[in-house]
């Protein structure tokens, strides 16, 4: 009976005795196909910023233009394939793809969102970014962009087994892949060489948009820097420094405050003719010297700060073969008291040998919110910090450097107190492209109003010191900023292609009457001479030494921006 039932119910019997058939495992894929497919994804989806820029080139609507774009895309894909062919080994292929895809996804986001380009200096900025600055860059748009660009290829590769090859076959196949990739590059270049050469020469920005090869090249540039320059040593500078004749029998020592500004656009300072009154306190004064034609050494803090405190100037600093001591060291060698007060992410090495005082967010809850402080907090306890410096050095003279948070983006709205939010509405998103441009400008301009308040507070503090010292202040920003012009935001573009707004910086000097008498300078002469004369960060090192009357072989009178107004007095 049981046997007959089983014969009548064969499907039931089979279902009880045999497990359901599992779907077949995906067939292992040859490593070369992984390389080709991933390289194609990188060259297309992850290079949208590049192809947007290419689409704007002259003649792109023509057949020749389309041919150039196709050849360019094949060159980019083959370049990625050539790189991956060097990494397509059993244990390294998937990790290499993971790193390159994530690198490309993040790079694409920042290039799309802020219009930046990626080179070695940009990656140095990234590596030197602290937690607070990094937090300002995080937003949902970044997360969404990275997921869209990185998740599909990485999930696909995670679920796809890769064919295992013998060592000899691996070497042979990777070698053929490398040779084939180079051959594709060569053939495509030959086909469009004239257009390609002209485009790369006239549209330099394109080379910094080839993703992720731009980041790989920049990392290689950084990694090989020790081979080009001995970074393990700091060469001495200004060890011969001595104080000049103005210190002989002085009744009062000099006190110079150097305000190192952050992300200042000269054109957005009301003092320099901006249509908005962003500097009401400074504009009301008649004793300031504003150099309206001043230019930075770099387009980022990491580049500009070490450069402007160097004796080499921009060209010499970029081509240097060794690191040298800085302006801070030379002032210290001369016997002056030096104090660095920081409300930013450090002094980029220029004060390492003298010492640094970092502003603590706990000092004044009224000025510090969420671990970030407005620049006015640097004036808190400043008298006590100066008093703690060696008395013998203070009796000669003191130089105080105040490193601002200034107008650091993209969270411009965090850089001003409520009472200084003069322009509205503000952009309160770190994804600046989500805001109307005028909202971005409003938030940035309010940060300039805050800087105006801070500099006026510094001048008032200096005025209160004049009973005991002869005072002066120099304010200059490290670099400028893009606020959406041509869809470019923030800063850090390679200097050769950066717009002027990232390089044109405010530079303001104030000398007390006592300091004018000491240095044989007059505010009137400086206002007339420096109002429109082009100066650069190259002048900074030598101008500070000249103002403080420090004699050293490192000083160059031709780069002392005060020298022209000092000569008539000296001659007389």
Protein backbone atom coordinates (compact mmCIF):
# COMPACT_ATOMS: atom_id res chain seq x y z
CA UNK A 1 0.00 0.00 0.00
CA UNK A 2 2.78 2.45 0.99
CA UNK A 3 4.70 1.61 -2.15
CA UNK A 4 1.69 2.37 -4.36
CA UNK A 5 1.16 5.73 -2.67
CA UNK A 6 4.71 6.64 -3.32
CA UNK A 7 4.26 5.78 -6.97
CA UNK A 8 1.12 7.88 -7.12
CA UNK A 9 2.79 10.85 -5.38
CA UNK A 10 6.24 11.04 -6.94
CA UNK A 11 6.55 14.82 -6.48
CA UNK A 12 5.74 14.62 -2.78
CA UNK A 13 8.24 11.83 -2.41
CA UNK A 14 10.92 13.81 -4.17
CA UNK A 15 10.25 16.89 -2.10
CA UNK A 16 10.72 14.98 1.12
CA UNK A 17 13.80 13.06 0.12
CA UNK A 18 15.78 15.73 -1.93
CA UNK A 19 16.66 19.29 -0.94
CA UNK A 20 15.75 22.09 -3.34
CA UNK A 21 18.36 22.75 -6.00
CA UNK A 22 20.56 25.81 -5.10
CA UNK A 23 21.24 28.47 -7.74
CA UNK A 24 24.61 27.88 -9.39
CA UNK A 25 27.54 29.90 -8.05
CA UNK A 26 28.72 32.66 -10.38
CA UNK A 27 31.54 31.60 -12.63
CA UNK A 28 34.94 32.96 -11.57
CA UNK A 29 35.97 35.94 -13.65
CA UNK A 30 39.41 36.38 -15.11
CA UNK A 31 41.36 39.17 -13.31
CA UNK A 32 41.88 40.98 -16.60
CA UNK A 33 38.13 41.39 -17.07
CA UNK A 34 37.85 42.77 -13.54
CA UNK A 35 40.50 45.33 -14.40
CA UNK A 36 38.82 46.29 -17.68
CA UNK A 37 35.33 46.67 -16.16
CA UNK A 38 36.50 48.57 -13.07
CA UNK A 39 38.68 50.86 -15.24
CA UNK A 40 35.68 51.60 -17.45
CA UNK A 41 33.57 52.50 -14.40
CA UNK A 42 36.31 54.77 -13.07
CA UNK A 43 36.73 56.48 -16.45
CA UNK A 44 33.01 57.12 -16.91
CA UNK A 45 30.86 57.35 -13.75
CA UNK A 46 33.69 58.58 -11.50
CA UNK A 47 34.90 61.18 -13.99
CA UNK A 48 31.74 63.24 -14.45
CA UNK A 49 33.59 66.45 -13.39
CA UNK A 50 36.19 65.82 -16.09
CA UNK A 51 33.61 65.19 -18.83
CA UNK A 52 31.62 68.24 -17.77
CA UNK A 53 34.78 70.31 -18.25
CA UNK A 54 35.53 68.62 -21.59
CA UNK A 55 31.98 69.37 -22.77
CA UNK A 56 32.70 73.09 -22.33
CA UNK A 57 35.71 73.02 -24.63
CA UNK A 58 35.40 74.84 -27.98
CA UNK A 59 34.14 72.65 -30.81
CA UNK A 60 32.77 69.84 -28.69
CA UNK A 61 29.51 69.74 -30.65
CA UNK A 62 31.34 68.73 -33.84
CA UNK A 63 32.29 65.26 -35.06
CA UNK A 64 35.95 66.08 -34.36
CA UNK A 65 35.02 67.12 -30.85
CA UNK A 66 33.20 63.86 -30.21
CA UNK A 67 36.18 61.94 -31.57
CA UNK A 68 38.50 63.80 -29.21
CA UNK A 69 36.21 63.10 -26.22
CA UNK A 70 36.05 59.38 -27.08
CA UNK A 71 39.81 59.13 -27.47
CA UNK A 72 40.30 61.01 -24.19
CA UNK A 73 37.92 58.59 -22.43
CA UNK A 74 39.84 55.61 -23.78
CA UNK A 75 43.11 57.18 -22.59
CA UNK A 76 41.69 57.64 -19.09
CA UNK A 77 40.31 54.09 -18.99
CA UNK A 78 43.57 52.65 -20.29
CA UNK A 79 45.52 54.67 -17.73
CA UNK A 80 43.43 53.22 -14.92
CA UNK A 81 43.85 49.73 -16.43
CA UNK A 82 47.62 50.17 -16.62
CA UNK A 83 47.70 51.13 -12.95
CA UNK A 84 45.50 48.21 -11.92
CA UNK A 85 47.54 45.78 -14.01
CA UNK A 86 50.41 46.42 -11.61
CA UNK A 87 48.14 45.50 -8.69
CA UNK A 88 46.06 42.67 -10.16
CA UNK A 89 47.50 39.85 -8.08
CA UNK A 90 45.63 37.23 -6.09
CA UNK A 91 45.75 38.99 -2.72
CA UNK A 92 45.95 42.60 -3.89
CA UNK A 93 43.38 43.02 -6.70
CA UNK A 94 40.25 43.47 -4.59
CA UNK A 95 41.93 45.71 -1.95
CA UNK A 96 43.40 47.83 -4.76
CA UNK A 97 40.00 48.18 -6.43
CA UNK A 98 38.43 49.10 -3.07
CA UNK A 99 40.99 51.86 -2.46
CA UNK A 100 40.85 53.28 -5.98
CA UNK A 101 37.06 53.25 -6.19
CA UNK A 102 36.66 54.97 -2.81
CA UNK A 103 39.39 57.45 -3.72
CA UNK A 104 37.61 58.18 -6.99
CA UNK A 105 34.19 58.49 -5.34
CA UNK A 106 35.37 60.99 -2.73
CA UNK A 107 37.42 62.87 -5.32
CA UNK A 108 34.44 63.09 -7.67
CA UNK A 109 32.24 64.46 -4.89
CA UNK A 110 34.61 67.26 -3.92
CA UNK A 111 35.29 68.17 -7.53
CA UNK A 112 31.55 68.23 -8.28
CA UNK A 113 30.53 70.01 -5.09
CA UNK A 114 33.24 72.67 -4.84
CA UNK A 115 34.81 72.83 -8.30
CA UNK A 116 38.22 71.95 -6.88
CA UNK A 117 41.08 70.16 -8.60
CA UNK A 118 43.30 67.58 -6.95
CA UNK A 119 47.08 67.92 -6.73
CA UNK A 120 49.76 67.33 -4.10
CA UNK A 121 49.02 70.54 -2.18
CA UNK A 122 45.32 69.66 -2.00
CA UNK A 123 46.12 66.25 -0.51
CA UNK A 124 48.49 67.89 1.99
CA UNK A 125 45.54 70.07 3.04
CA UNK A 126 43.43 66.94 3.49
CA UNK A 127 46.08 65.23 5.60
CA UNK A 128 46.51 68.30 7.78
CA UNK A 129 42.77 68.83 8.31
CA UNK A 130 41.77 68.46 11.94
CA UNK A 131 38.58 66.84 13.25
CA UNK A 132 36.64 70.11 13.44
CA UNK A 133 37.47 71.07 9.86
CA UNK A 134 36.67 67.57 8.60
CA UNK A 135 33.32 67.68 10.39
CA UNK A 136 32.37 70.84 8.50
CA UNK A 137 32.75 68.96 5.22
CA UNK A 138 30.47 66.04 6.12
CA UNK A 139 26.92 66.10 4.77
CA UNK A 140 24.27 63.82 3.30
CA UNK A 141 25.05 64.85 -0.26
CA UNK A 142 28.61 63.59 0.16
CA UNK A 143 27.36 60.30 1.59
CA UNK A 144 24.87 59.87 -1.26
CA UNK A 145 27.43 60.67 -3.96
CA UNK A 146 30.00 58.27 -2.54
CA UNK A 147 27.42 55.48 -2.23
CA UNK A 148 26.21 55.95 -5.81
CA UNK A 149 29.73 55.88 -7.22
CA UNK A 150 31.34 53.28 -4.97
CA UNK A 151 28.62 50.82 -3.97
CA UNK A 152 27.77 49.27 -7.39
CA UNK A 153 31.31 48.19 -8.39
CA UNK A 154 32.30 47.17 -4.87
CA UNK A 155 29.16 45.07 -4.26
CA UNK A 156 29.56 43.48 -7.67
CA UNK A 157 33.19 42.61 -6.98
CA UNK A 158 32.38 41.35 -3.47
CA UNK A 159 29.91 38.82 -4.89
CA UNK A 160 32.02 37.86 -7.90
CA UNK A 161 34.78 35.24 -7.41
CA UNK A 162 37.99 35.95 -9.28
CA UNK A 163 39.71 33.19 -11.19
CA UNK A 164 42.93 31.95 -9.60
CA UNK A 165 45.94 31.83 -11.85
CA UNK A 166 49.33 30.30 -11.39
CA UNK A 167 52.14 32.71 -10.64
CA UNK A 168 53.57 32.40 -14.13
CA UNK A 169 50.19 33.00 -15.81
CA UNK A 170 49.59 35.97 -13.52
CA UNK A 171 52.86 37.55 -14.60
CA UNK A 172 52.15 36.89 -18.26
CA UNK A 173 48.55 38.12 -18.21
CA UNK A 174 49.32 41.22 -16.15
CA UNK A 175 52.21 42.00 -18.47
CA UNK A 176 49.98 41.69 -21.53
CA UNK A 177 47.34 43.87 -19.83
CA UNK A 178 49.93 46.54 -19.09
CA UNK A 179 51.34 46.48 -22.62
CA UNK A 180 47.85 46.52 -24.10
CA UNK A 181 46.82 49.50 -21.96
CA UNK A 182 49.90 51.44 -22.96
CA UNK A 183 49.26 50.56 -26.61
CA UNK A 184 45.70 51.93 -26.38
CA UNK A 185 47.03 55.14 -24.86
CA UNK A 186 49.66 55.55 -27.57
CA UNK A 187 47.25 54.84 -30.44
CA UNK A 188 44.62 57.26 -29.07
CA UNK A 189 47.24 59.96 -28.54
CA UNK A 190 48.49 59.58 -32.10
CA UNK A 191 44.95 59.89 -33.43
CA UNK A 192 44.17 63.14 -31.56
CA UNK A 193 47.65 64.38 -30.68
CA UNK A 194 47.27 67.91 -32.02
CA UNK A 195 43.98 68.49 -30.22
CA UNK A 196 45.16 66.73 -27.06
CA UNK A 197 48.42 68.69 -26.81
CA UNK A 198 46.65 72.00 -27.42
CA UNK A 199 43.93 71.20 -24.87
CA UNK A 200 46.35 70.14 -22.14
CA UNK A 201 48.42 73.27 -22.74
CA UNK A 202 45.53 75.75 -22.79
CA UNK A 203 43.22 74.05 -20.28
CA UNK A 204 45.64 72.98 -17.56
CA UNK A 205 42.87 72.24 -15.08
CA UNK A 206 41.87 69.09 -17.00
CA UNK A 207 44.97 67.20 -15.92
CA UNK A 208 43.98 67.70 -12.27
CA UNK A 209 40.49 66.25 -12.91
CA UNK A 210 41.50 62.82 -14.25
CA UNK A 211 40.12 60.69 -11.45
CA UNK A 212 41.57 58.81 -9.53
CA UNK A 213 44.90 59.11 -11.36
CA UNK A 214 45.15 62.70 -10.12
CA UNK A 215 45.09 61.50 -6.50
CA UNK A 216 47.50 58.64 -7.19
CA UNK A 217 49.96 61.01 -8.85
CA UNK A 218 49.64 63.50 -5.99
CA UNK A 219 50.25 60.77 -3.41
CA UNK A 220 53.30 59.65 -5.35
CA UNK A 221 54.55 63.23 -5.44
CA UNK A 222 54.19 63.49 -1.66
CA UNK A 223 55.72 60.06 -1.01
CA UNK A 224 58.78 60.78 -3.13
CA UNK A 225 59.39 64.25 -1.68
CA UNK A 226 62.08 62.93 0.72
CA UNK A 227 63.98 61.71 -2.36
CA UNK A 228 63.95 65.23 -3.80
CA UNK A 229 64.50 67.07 -0.53
CA UNK A 230 66.02 66.09 2.78
CA UNK A 231 63.06 66.65 5.09
CA UNK A 232 64.84 65.19 8.12
CA UNK A 233 66.93 68.32 8.67
CA UNK A 234 66.08 71.95 9.29
CA UNK A 235 68.86 74.17 7.97
CA UNK A 236 69.79 77.14 10.18
CA UNK A 237 68.75 80.62 9.13
CA UNK A 238 69.57 84.01 10.59
CA UNK A 239 71.88 82.76 13.31
CA UNK A 240 73.76 86.03 12.80
CA UNK A 241 70.65 88.07 13.66
CA UNK A 242 71.23 91.12 15.85
CA UNK A 243 69.10 94.02 17.01
CA UNK A 244 69.72 97.34 15.29
CA UNK A 245 70.51 100.80 16.56
CA UNK A 246 66.90 101.56 17.54
CA UNK A 247 67.27 99.26 20.56
CA UNK A 248 70.19 101.18 22.02
CA UNK A 249 68.97 102.96 25.14
CA UNK A 250 65.31 102.46 24.21
CA UNK A 251 62.80 103.84 26.69
CA UNK A 252 60.09 101.40 25.65
CA UNK A 253 60.48 98.08 23.84
CA UNK A 254 58.50 97.38 20.67
CA UNK A 255 55.45 95.12 20.64
CA UNK A 256 54.40 93.86 17.21
CA UNK A 257 51.25 91.79 16.67
CA UNK A 258 51.19 89.75 13.47
CA UNK A 259 47.63 88.67 12.73
CA UNK A 260 47.75 85.72 10.36
CA UNK A 261 44.37 85.84 8.65
CA UNK A 262 42.51 82.86 7.25
CA UNK A 263 40.68 82.77 3.92
CA UNK A 264 40.48 86.52 3.37
CA UNK A 265 39.28 87.98 0.07
CA UNK A 266 40.68 91.46 -0.46
CA UNK A 267 37.71 92.41 -2.60
CA UNK A 268 35.23 91.66 0.22
CA UNK A 269 36.78 94.16 2.64
CA UNK A 270 34.82 97.39 2.82
CA UNK A 271 38.12 99.10 3.62
CA UNK A 272 39.26 98.17 0.10
CA UNK A 273 36.23 99.60 -1.69
CA UNK A 274 33.76 96.69 -1.43
CA UNK A 275 30.18 97.83 -2.01
CA UNK A 276 29.15 96.36 1.35
CA UNK A 277 30.39 97.89 4.59
CA UNK A 278 31.97 94.71 5.95
CA UNK A 279 34.63 96.63 7.93
CA UNK A 280 32.77 99.47 9.71
CA UNK A 281 35.25 99.68 12.60
CA UNK A 282 38.39 99.64 10.49
CA UNK A 283 36.94 101.98 7.87
CA UNK A 284 36.23 104.55 10.56
CA UNK A 285 39.95 104.78 11.38
CA UNK A 286 42.30 107.09 9.50
CA UNK A 287 45.54 105.58 10.79
CA UNK A 288 45.51 102.30 8.85
CA UNK A 289 47.50 101.34 5.77
CA UNK A 290 45.60 98.95 3.50
CA UNK A 291 47.62 97.41 0.68
CA UNK A 292 44.87 96.79 -1.87
CA UNK A 293 47.12 95.04 -4.39
CA UNK A 294 48.50 92.23 -2.21
CA UNK A 295 48.88 88.62 -3.39
CA UNK A 296 49.41 85.34 -1.61
CA UNK A 297 52.17 82.78 -1.85
CA UNK A 298 49.75 79.87 -2.22
CA UNK A 299 46.07 79.01 -2.31
CA UNK A 300 45.94 77.01 0.92
CA UNK A 301 47.11 77.35 4.49
CA UNK A 302 49.50 74.42 4.14
CA UNK A 303 51.22 76.13 1.21
CA UNK A 304 51.01 79.82 2.16
CA UNK A 305 51.95 79.86 5.83
CA UNK A 306 55.34 78.10 5.55
CA UNK A 307 56.02 80.09 2.37
CA UNK A 308 55.28 83.54 3.79
CA UNK A 309 57.38 82.82 6.91
CA UNK A 310 60.23 81.70 4.66
CA UNK A 311 63.01 83.90 3.26
CA UNK A 312 62.83 82.17 -0.14
CA UNK A 313 59.71 83.68 -1.67
CA UNK A 314 57.13 81.69 -3.62
CA UNK A 315 59.35 80.56 -6.49
CA UNK A 316 62.26 79.68 -4.23
CA UNK A 317 60.04 77.93 -1.72
CA UNK A 318 58.38 75.74 -4.35
CA UNK A 319 61.74 74.75 -5.83
CA UNK A 320 63.67 74.38 -2.59
CA UNK A 321 65.87 71.34 -1.94
CA UNK A 322 65.89 71.69 1.85
CA UNK A 323 63.85 73.03 4.75
CA UNK A 324 65.03 76.13 6.56
CA UNK A 325 64.25 77.80 9.84
CA UNK A 326 61.52 80.42 9.63
CA UNK A 327 60.93 84.08 10.40
CA UNK A 328 59.90 83.03 13.90
CA UNK A 329 63.31 81.43 14.44
CA UNK A 330 65.18 84.50 13.15
CA UNK A 331 63.26 86.80 15.51
CA UNK A 332 64.12 84.44 18.34
CA UNK A 333 67.80 84.33 17.31
CA UNK A 334 67.83 88.14 17.49
CA UNK A 335 66.84 87.91 21.16
CA UNK A 336 63.21 88.98 20.92
CA UNK A 337 60.36 87.34 22.83
CA UNK A 338 58.06 85.43 20.48
CA UNK A 339 54.59 84.04 21.17
CA UNK A 340 52.34 82.12 18.78
CA UNK A 341 48.64 82.08 19.71
CA UNK A 342 46.55 79.73 17.58
CA UNK A 343 42.84 79.49 16.91
CA UNK A 344 43.42 77.29 13.88
CA UNK A 345 44.96 73.92 13.07
CA UNK A 346 48.55 74.74 13.99
CA UNK A 347 51.44 76.78 12.63
CA UNK A 348 52.41 74.32 9.84
CA UNK A 349 55.87 73.88 11.32
CA UNK A 350 57.00 77.51 11.36
CA UNK A 351 56.84 77.86 15.16
CA UNK A 352 57.83 74.33 16.17
CA UNK A 353 61.23 75.34 17.54
CA UNK A 354 60.03 78.38 19.47
CA UNK A 355 56.82 77.13 21.01
CA UNK A 356 53.12 77.56 20.45
CA UNK A 357 50.21 78.56 22.62
CA UNK A 358 46.92 77.06 21.46
CA UNK A 359 43.67 78.70 22.37
CA UNK A 360 41.53 76.51 24.62
CA UNK A 361 37.80 76.35 23.82
CA UNK A 362 37.08 76.27 27.56
CA UNK A 363 38.45 79.75 28.16
CA UNK A 364 35.28 81.68 27.38
CA UNK A 365 31.95 79.90 26.87
CA UNK A 366 30.51 83.11 25.42
CA UNK A 367 32.96 82.95 22.52
CA UNK A 368 33.22 79.18 22.13
CA UNK A 369 30.44 76.91 20.91
CA UNK A 370 30.76 73.26 19.98
CA UNK A 371 34.51 73.19 20.49
CA UNK A 372 35.11 76.13 18.13
CA UNK A 373 36.01 79.64 19.24
CA UNK A 374 35.65 83.05 17.66
CA UNK A 375 38.99 84.75 17.16
CA UNK A 376 38.40 87.26 19.93
CA UNK A 377 39.12 84.46 22.41
CA UNK A 378 42.81 84.85 21.56
CA UNK A 379 42.83 88.13 23.48
CA UNK A 380 41.75 86.36 26.65
CA UNK A 381 44.67 86.02 29.07
CA UNK A 382 47.03 87.41 26.43
CA UNK A 383 48.67 89.74 28.97
CA UNK A 384 49.43 86.78 31.21
CA UNK A 385 50.81 84.74 28.31
CA UNK A 386 53.15 87.57 27.34
CA UNK A 387 54.19 88.07 30.98
CA UNK A 388 55.17 84.40 31.10
CA UNK A 389 57.78 84.91 28.36
CA UNK A 390 61.41 85.40 29.47
CA UNK A 391 61.76 88.87 30.99
CA UNK A 392 65.15 89.53 29.39
CA UNK A 393 63.69 88.99 25.93
CA UNK A 394 60.56 91.05 26.67
CA UNK A 395 62.75 93.97 27.68
CA UNK A 396 64.18 93.96 24.17
CA UNK A 397 60.89 93.52 22.34
CA UNK A 398 58.02 91.12 21.69
CA UNK A 399 56.38 89.68 18.60
CA UNK A 400 52.96 88.00 19.00
CA UNK A 401 51.46 85.97 16.16
CA UNK A 402 47.70 85.41 16.22
CA UNK A 403 46.54 82.70 13.82
CA UNK A 404 42.88 83.26 13.01
CA UNK A 405 40.05 80.90 12.25
CA UNK A 406 38.92 83.88 10.19
CA UNK A 407 36.61 82.98 7.31
CA UNK A 408 37.45 79.30 7.09
CA UNK A 409 34.87 77.45 5.00
CA UNK A 410 32.65 75.86 4.13
CA UNK A 411 30.85 76.58 7.43
CA UNK A 412 31.14 80.38 7.09
CA UNK A 413 28.05 80.88 9.23
CA UNK A 414 29.97 79.55 12.25
CA UNK A 415 32.61 82.26 11.94
CA UNK A 416 30.57 85.21 13.19
CA UNK A 417 28.77 86.06 16.39
CA UNK A 418 25.01 86.84 16.26
CA UNK A 419 25.66 90.56 16.73
CA UNK A 420 27.95 90.56 13.66
CA UNK A 421 25.54 88.82 11.30
CA UNK A 422 24.90 91.96 9.32
CA UNK A 423 23.86 90.30 6.06
CA UNK A 424 21.15 87.70 5.60
CA UNK A 425 19.88 85.18 5.02
CA UNK A 426 23.00 83.07 5.48
CA UNK A 427 23.83 79.71 3.96
CA UNK A 428 23.84 77.35 6.93
CA UNK A 429 24.78 74.24 4.96
CA UNK A 430 28.29 72.95 4.36
CA UNK A 431 27.11 71.74 0.95
CA UNK A 432 27.45 75.25 -0.47
CA UNK A 433 26.00 74.31 -3.85
CA UNK A 434 22.66 73.68 -2.13
CA UNK A 435 22.38 77.37 -1.20
CA UNK A 436 21.74 80.38 -3.37
CA UNK A 437 25.01 82.11 -4.08
CA UNK A 438 23.96 85.32 -2.33
CA UNK A 439 23.37 83.29 0.84
CA UNK A 440 26.92 81.92 0.61
CA UNK A 441 28.25 85.46 0.12
CA UNK A 442 26.16 86.72 3.06
CA UNK A 443 27.62 84.12 5.40
CA UNK A 444 31.15 84.85 4.16
CA UNK A 445 30.72 88.63 4.44
CA UNK A 446 29.49 88.22 8.02
CA UNK A 447 32.76 86.43 8.80
CA UNK A 448 34.58 89.52 7.50
CA UNK A 449 32.47 91.67 9.83
CA UNK A 450 33.65 89.39 12.64
CA UNK A 451 37.27 89.83 11.52
CA UNK A 452 36.71 93.60 11.52
CA UNK A 453 35.50 93.32 15.12
CA UNK A 454 38.49 91.17 16.07
CA UNK A 455 41.10 93.45 14.46
CA UNK A 456 39.53 96.49 16.10
CA UNK A 457 39.71 94.66 19.44
CA UNK A 458 43.39 93.94 18.82
CA UNK A 459 44.02 97.62 18.08
CA UNK A 460 42.19 98.66 21.25
CA UNK A 461 44.25 96.17 23.24
CA UNK A 462 47.45 97.54 21.70
CA UNK A 463 46.33 101.07 22.52
CA UNK A 464 46.03 100.06 26.16
CA UNK A 465 49.66 98.84 26.13
CA UNK A 466 51.23 102.06 24.87
CA UNK A 467 52.20 103.26 28.32
CA UNK A 468 54.80 100.50 28.47
CA UNK A 469 55.60 99.54 24.85
CA UNK A 470 55.72 100.90 21.30
CA UNK A 471 53.06 99.08 19.34
CA UNK A 472 52.25 97.97 15.78
CA UNK A 473 50.05 95.46 13.98
CA UNK A 474 50.27 93.75 10.59
CA UNK A 475 47.30 91.74 9.36
CA UNK A 476 47.51 89.65 6.21
CA UNK A 477 45.47 86.65 5.06
CA UNK A 478 47.14 83.42 3.99
CA UNK A 479 44.99 83.02 0.85
CA UNK A 480 41.64 84.00 -0.62
CA UNK A 481 38.48 82.07 -1.43
CA UNK A 482 36.08 81.20 -4.24
CA UNK A 483 32.42 81.78 -3.44
CA UNK A 484 30.75 80.09 -6.40
CA UNK A 485 32.24 82.06 -9.29
CA UNK A 486 32.23 79.65 -12.26
CA UNK A 487 30.86 77.01 -9.87
CA UNK A 488 34.12 76.99 -7.89
CA UNK A 489 34.04 77.06 -4.09
CA UNK A 490 36.60 77.16 -1.28
CA UNK A 491 40.30 77.33 -2.23
CA UNK A 492 43.35 75.17 -2.92
CA UNK A 493 43.39 75.08 -6.73
CA UNK A 494 46.91 74.78 -8.20
CA UNK A 495 48.41 78.27 -8.17
CA UNK A 496 48.83 78.42 -11.94
CA UNK A 497 45.12 77.89 -12.61
CA UNK A 498 43.57 79.34 -9.45
CA UNK A 499 41.30 82.38 -9.95
CA UNK A 500 42.51 85.69 -8.58
CA UNK A 501 39.98 85.61 -5.72
CA UNK A 502 41.97 82.71 -4.23
CA UNK A 503 45.23 84.72 -4.38
CA UNK A 504 44.24 88.38 -3.85
CA UNK A 505 44.44 88.96 -0.09
CA UNK A 506 43.87 91.81 2.39
CA UNK A 507 46.98 93.31 4.00
CA UNK A 508 46.54 95.96 6.71
CA UNK A 509 49.25 97.72 8.72
CA UNK A 510 48.92 99.94 11.76
CA UNK A 511 51.78 101.80 13.47
CA UNK A 512 51.34 103.74 16.68
CA UNK A 513 52.84 107.24 16.72
CA UNK A 514 55.65 105.94 18.94
CA UNK A 515 56.41 103.11 16.50
CA UNK A 516 56.38 105.56 13.59
CA UNK A 517 58.96 107.69 15.35
CA UNK A 518 61.05 104.64 16.21
CA UNK A 519 61.07 103.27 12.64
CA UNK A 520 61.24 106.62 10.78
CA UNK A 521 58.03 105.73 8.97
CA UNK A 522 54.84 107.72 8.59
CA UNK A 523 51.35 106.39 8.01
CA UNK A 524 50.77 109.01 5.32
CA UNK A 525 53.75 107.90 3.25
CA UNK A 526 52.80 104.24 3.60
CA UNK A 527 49.19 104.93 2.60
CA UNK A 528 50.36 106.69 -0.54
CA UNK A 529 53.05 104.13 -1.40
CA UNK A 530 51.27 100.87 -0.58
CA UNK A 531 47.72 101.76 -1.57
CA UNK A 532 48.02 100.35 -5.08
CA UNK A 533 51.60 99.03 -5.30
CA UNK A 534 51.71 95.30 -5.94
CA UNK A 535 53.17 93.38 -3.04
CA UNK A 536 53.18 89.66 -2.29
CA UNK A 537 53.86 87.30 0.57
CA UNK A 538 57.46 87.39 -0.68
CA UNK A 539 57.70 90.77 1.10
CA UNK A 540 56.41 89.52 4.45
CA UNK A 541 59.57 87.97 5.92
CA UNK A 542 61.79 90.93 5.07
CA UNK A 543 59.24 93.61 5.97
CA UNK A 544 58.79 92.21 9.49
CA UNK A 545 62.56 92.07 10.00
CA UNK A 546 62.90 95.62 8.69
CA UNK A 547 60.10 96.93 10.92
CA UNK A 548 61.65 95.25 13.98
CA UNK A 549 65.13 96.48 13.00
CA UNK A 550 66.67 93.00 12.95
CA UNK A 551 69.99 92.84 11.12
CA UNK A 552 70.88 89.58 9.36
CA UNK A 553 72.25 88.32 6.06
CA UNK A 554 68.85 86.72 5.45
CA UNK A 555 67.24 90.17 5.15
CA UNK A 556 66.70 91.65 1.68
CA UNK A 557 65.98 95.37 1.67
CA UNK A 558 64.50 95.16 -1.84
CA UNK A 559 61.69 92.98 -0.46
CA UNK A 560 61.03 95.22 2.55
CA UNK A 561 57.76 96.91 1.67
CA UNK A 562 58.47 99.67 4.23
CA UNK A 563 61.91 100.56 2.83
CA UNK A 564 60.67 103.14 0.30
CA UNK A 565 59.15 105.28 3.04
CA UNK A 566 62.11 104.81 5.34
CA UNK A 567 64.75 106.09 2.91
CA UNK A 568 63.81 109.80 2.87
CA UNK A 569 63.83 109.93 6.66
CA UNK A 570 67.18 108.14 6.81
CA UNK A 571 68.64 110.50 4.21
CA UNK A 572 67.37 113.51 6.08
